[in-house]
């Protein structure tokens, strides 16, 4: 995705794991312009930490749903 303030490049890979599928997402955000680069530099670590916490919460929710259903 190409935008005025930043570009986002994303790629998905799929792996077969014993009859299941693992989906991996890798995304790279490239800021444009001095102010956007400065903002990304300052806010980046905070966003990364928030993203990790959100991912942990989502994975815990999925684990609860899977454990609640019989196989």
N, C-alpha and C. Protein backbone atom coordinates (compact mmCIF):
# COMPACT_ATOMS: atom_id res chain seq x y z
N UNK A 1 0.86 -1.16 0.00
CA UNK A 1 0.00 0.00 0.00
C UNK A 1 0.90 1.23 0.00
N UNK A 2 0.63 2.14 -0.89
CA UNK A 2 1.43 3.34 -1.01
C UNK A 2 0.57 4.53 -0.60
N UNK A 3 1.05 5.28 0.38
CA UNK A 3 0.31 6.43 0.87
C UNK A 3 1.14 7.69 0.79
N UNK A 4 0.52 8.82 1.14
CA UNK A 4 1.24 10.09 1.10
C UNK A 4 2.27 10.19 2.22
N UNK A 5 1.92 9.66 3.42
CA UNK A 5 2.80 9.83 4.57
C UNK A 5 3.68 8.61 4.85
N UNK A 6 3.25 7.44 4.41
CA UNK A 6 4.07 6.24 4.58
C UNK A 6 3.61 5.15 3.64
N UNK A 7 4.50 4.18 3.41
CA UNK A 7 4.20 3.01 2.58
C UNK A 7 4.17 1.78 3.51
N UNK A 8 3.31 0.83 3.19
CA UNK A 8 3.24 -0.42 3.93
C UNK A 8 3.41 -1.57 2.94
N UNK A 9 4.37 -2.42 3.24
CA UNK A 9 4.58 -3.62 2.44
C UNK A 9 4.28 -4.82 3.35
N UNK A 10 3.38 -5.69 2.93
CA UNK A 10 3.00 -6.84 3.74
C UNK A 10 3.12 -8.11 2.92
N UNK A 11 3.53 -9.18 3.58
CA UNK A 11 3.58 -10.48 2.91
C UNK A 11 3.09 -11.55 3.89
N UNK A 12 2.37 -12.50 3.34
CA UNK A 12 1.85 -13.62 4.11
C UNK A 12 2.54 -14.89 3.63
N UNK A 13 2.87 -15.77 4.56
CA UNK A 13 3.35 -17.09 4.21
C UNK A 13 2.48 -18.11 4.94
N UNK A 14 2.28 -19.25 4.32
CA UNK A 14 1.44 -20.30 4.89
C UNK A 14 2.27 -21.56 5.02
N UNK A 15 2.20 -22.20 6.19
CA UNK A 15 2.93 -23.43 6.44
C UNK A 15 1.96 -24.53 6.84
N UNK A 16 2.17 -25.72 6.29
CA UNK A 16 1.39 -26.88 6.69
C UNK A 16 2.08 -27.50 7.90
N UNK A 17 1.33 -27.62 8.99
CA UNK A 17 1.88 -28.21 10.21
C UNK A 17 0.95 -29.34 10.64
N UNK A 18 1.27 -30.54 10.22
CA UNK A 18 0.53 -31.75 10.58
C UNK A 18 -0.98 -31.53 10.43
N UNK A 19 -1.41 -31.20 9.24
CA UNK A 19 -2.84 -31.03 8.96
C UNK A 19 -3.42 -29.70 9.38
N UNK A 20 -2.61 -28.83 9.91
CA UNK A 20 -3.06 -27.48 10.29
C UNK A 20 -2.28 -26.47 9.45
N UNK A 21 -2.73 -25.25 9.46
CA UNK A 21 -2.05 -24.22 8.69
C UNK A 21 -1.61 -23.09 9.60
N UNK A 22 -0.35 -22.72 9.50
CA UNK A 22 0.16 -21.56 10.23
C UNK A 22 0.29 -20.42 9.22
N UNK A 23 -0.24 -19.26 9.59
CA UNK A 23 -0.16 -18.08 8.74
C UNK A 23 0.80 -17.10 9.40
N UNK A 24 1.78 -16.65 8.65
CA UNK A 24 2.75 -15.66 9.15
C UNK A 24 2.55 -14.37 8.36
N UNK A 25 2.53 -13.26 9.06
CA UNK A 25 2.42 -11.95 8.43
C UNK A 25 3.67 -11.15 8.77
N UNK A 26 4.29 -10.62 7.76
CA UNK A 26 5.42 -9.72 7.95
C UNK A 26 5.05 -8.41 7.26
N UNK A 27 5.12 -7.31 8.01
CA UNK A 27 4.80 -6.02 7.41
C UNK A 27 5.91 -5.03 7.73
N UNK A 28 6.20 -4.19 6.75
CA UNK A 28 7.22 -3.16 6.89
C UNK A 28 6.57 -1.83 6.56
N UNK A 29 6.67 -0.89 7.50
CA UNK A 29 6.11 0.44 7.31
C UNK A 29 7.28 1.40 7.11
N UNK A 30 7.26 2.12 6.00
CA UNK A 30 8.32 3.06 5.68
C UNK A 30 7.76 4.48 5.66
N UNK A 31 8.14 5.31 6.64
CA UNK A 31 7.63 6.68 6.68
C UNK A 31 8.27 7.54 5.59
N UNK A 32 7.52 8.55 5.17
CA UNK A 32 8.02 9.50 4.17
C UNK A 32 8.12 10.88 4.82
N UNK A 33 9.12 11.61 4.47
CA UNK A 33 9.28 12.97 4.98
C UNK A 33 9.93 13.00 6.35
N UNK A 34 10.56 14.11 6.64
CA UNK A 34 11.31 14.27 7.89
C UNK A 34 10.43 14.12 9.13
N UNK A 35 9.27 14.79 9.15
CA UNK A 35 8.41 14.78 10.34
C UNK A 35 7.87 13.37 10.61
N UNK A 36 7.48 12.64 9.58
CA UNK A 36 6.97 11.29 9.77
C UNK A 36 8.09 10.37 10.28
N UNK A 37 9.27 10.52 9.73
CA UNK A 37 10.40 9.71 10.19
C UNK A 37 10.71 9.99 11.66
N UNK A 38 10.67 11.26 12.04
CA UNK A 38 10.91 11.65 13.43
C UNK A 38 9.82 11.07 14.34
N UNK A 39 8.57 11.17 13.92
CA UNK A 39 7.47 10.64 14.71
C UNK A 39 7.59 9.13 14.87
N UNK A 40 7.90 8.42 13.80
CA UNK A 40 8.06 6.97 13.88
C UNK A 40 9.20 6.61 14.82
N UNK A 41 10.27 7.36 14.78
CA UNK A 41 11.42 7.11 15.65
C UNK A 41 11.04 7.28 17.12
N UNK A 42 10.24 8.29 17.43
CA UNK A 42 9.87 8.58 18.81
C UNK A 42 8.74 7.67 19.31
N UNK A 43 7.75 7.39 18.48
CA UNK A 43 6.56 6.64 18.89
C UNK A 43 6.70 5.15 18.61
N UNK A 44 7.62 4.77 17.75
CA UNK A 44 7.78 3.38 17.34
C UNK A 44 7.86 2.38 18.48
N UNK A 45 8.77 2.58 19.45
CA UNK A 45 8.87 1.62 20.55
C UNK A 45 7.57 1.47 21.36
N UNK A 46 6.84 2.55 21.53
CA UNK A 46 5.56 2.49 22.25
C UNK A 46 4.55 1.67 21.46
N UNK A 47 4.50 1.89 20.16
CA UNK A 47 3.57 1.14 19.31
C UNK A 47 3.92 -0.33 19.26
N UNK A 48 5.19 -0.63 19.23
CA UNK A 48 5.63 -2.02 19.20
C UNK A 48 5.20 -2.74 20.48
N UNK A 49 5.39 -2.08 21.61
CA UNK A 49 5.01 -2.67 22.90
C UNK A 49 3.50 -2.87 22.96
N UNK A 50 2.73 -1.89 22.50
CA UNK A 50 1.27 -2.02 22.51
C UNK A 50 0.83 -3.14 21.58
N UNK A 51 1.48 -3.26 20.45
CA UNK A 51 1.14 -4.34 19.51
C UNK A 51 1.42 -5.71 20.10
N UNK A 52 2.52 -5.85 20.82
CA UNK A 52 2.84 -7.13 21.46
C UNK A 52 1.81 -7.48 22.52
N UNK A 53 1.39 -6.49 23.31
CA UNK A 53 0.39 -6.75 24.35
C UNK A 53 -0.95 -7.14 23.72
N UNK A 54 -1.33 -6.48 22.64
CA UNK A 54 -2.59 -6.80 21.95
C UNK A 54 -2.53 -8.22 21.38
N UNK A 55 -1.39 -8.60 20.83
CA UNK A 55 -1.22 -9.94 20.28
C UNK A 55 -1.32 -11.00 21.37
N UNK A 56 -0.67 -10.74 22.51
CA UNK A 56 -0.75 -11.68 23.63
C UNK A 56 -2.19 -11.86 24.09
N UNK A 57 -2.94 -10.77 24.17
CA UNK A 57 -4.34 -10.83 24.58
C UNK A 57 -5.17 -11.64 23.58
N UNK A 58 -4.95 -11.43 22.30
CA UNK A 58 -5.68 -12.15 21.26
C UNK A 58 -5.35 -13.64 21.29
N UNK A 59 -4.08 -13.97 21.47
CA UNK A 59 -3.69 -15.38 21.53
C UNK A 59 -4.29 -16.07 22.76
N UNK A 60 -4.33 -15.37 23.89
CA UNK A 60 -4.95 -15.93 25.10
C UNK A 60 -6.44 -16.19 24.87
N UNK A 61 -7.10 -15.28 24.18
CA UNK A 61 -8.52 -15.43 23.87
C UNK A 61 -8.75 -16.64 22.96
N UNK A 62 -7.91 -16.79 21.96
CA UNK A 62 -8.02 -17.94 21.05
C UNK A 62 -7.77 -19.25 21.79
N UNK A 63 -6.79 -19.25 22.70
CA UNK A 63 -6.48 -20.45 23.46
C UNK A 63 -7.68 -20.86 24.32
N UNK A 64 -8.34 -19.89 24.95
CA UNK A 64 -9.52 -20.18 25.75
C UNK A 64 -10.62 -20.78 24.90
N UNK A 65 -10.82 -20.26 23.71
CA UNK A 65 -11.85 -20.78 22.82
C UNK A 65 -11.54 -22.21 22.38
N UNK A 66 -10.28 -22.48 22.07
CA UNK A 66 -9.89 -23.82 21.63
C UNK A 66 -10.00 -24.81 22.77
N UNK A 67 -9.57 -24.43 23.95
CA UNK A 67 -9.61 -25.33 25.10
C UNK A 67 -11.06 -25.60 25.54
N UNK A 68 -11.95 -24.69 25.24
CA UNK A 68 -13.35 -24.85 25.63
C UNK A 68 -14.13 -25.79 24.73
N UNK A 69 -13.58 -26.14 23.57
CA UNK A 69 -14.27 -27.03 22.62
C UNK A 69 -13.60 -28.40 22.61
N UNK A 70 -14.39 -29.46 22.71
CA UNK A 70 -13.80 -30.80 22.60
C UNK A 70 -13.29 -31.08 21.20
N UNK A 71 -12.24 -31.86 21.11
CA UNK A 71 -11.65 -32.19 19.79
C UNK A 71 -12.44 -33.22 19.05
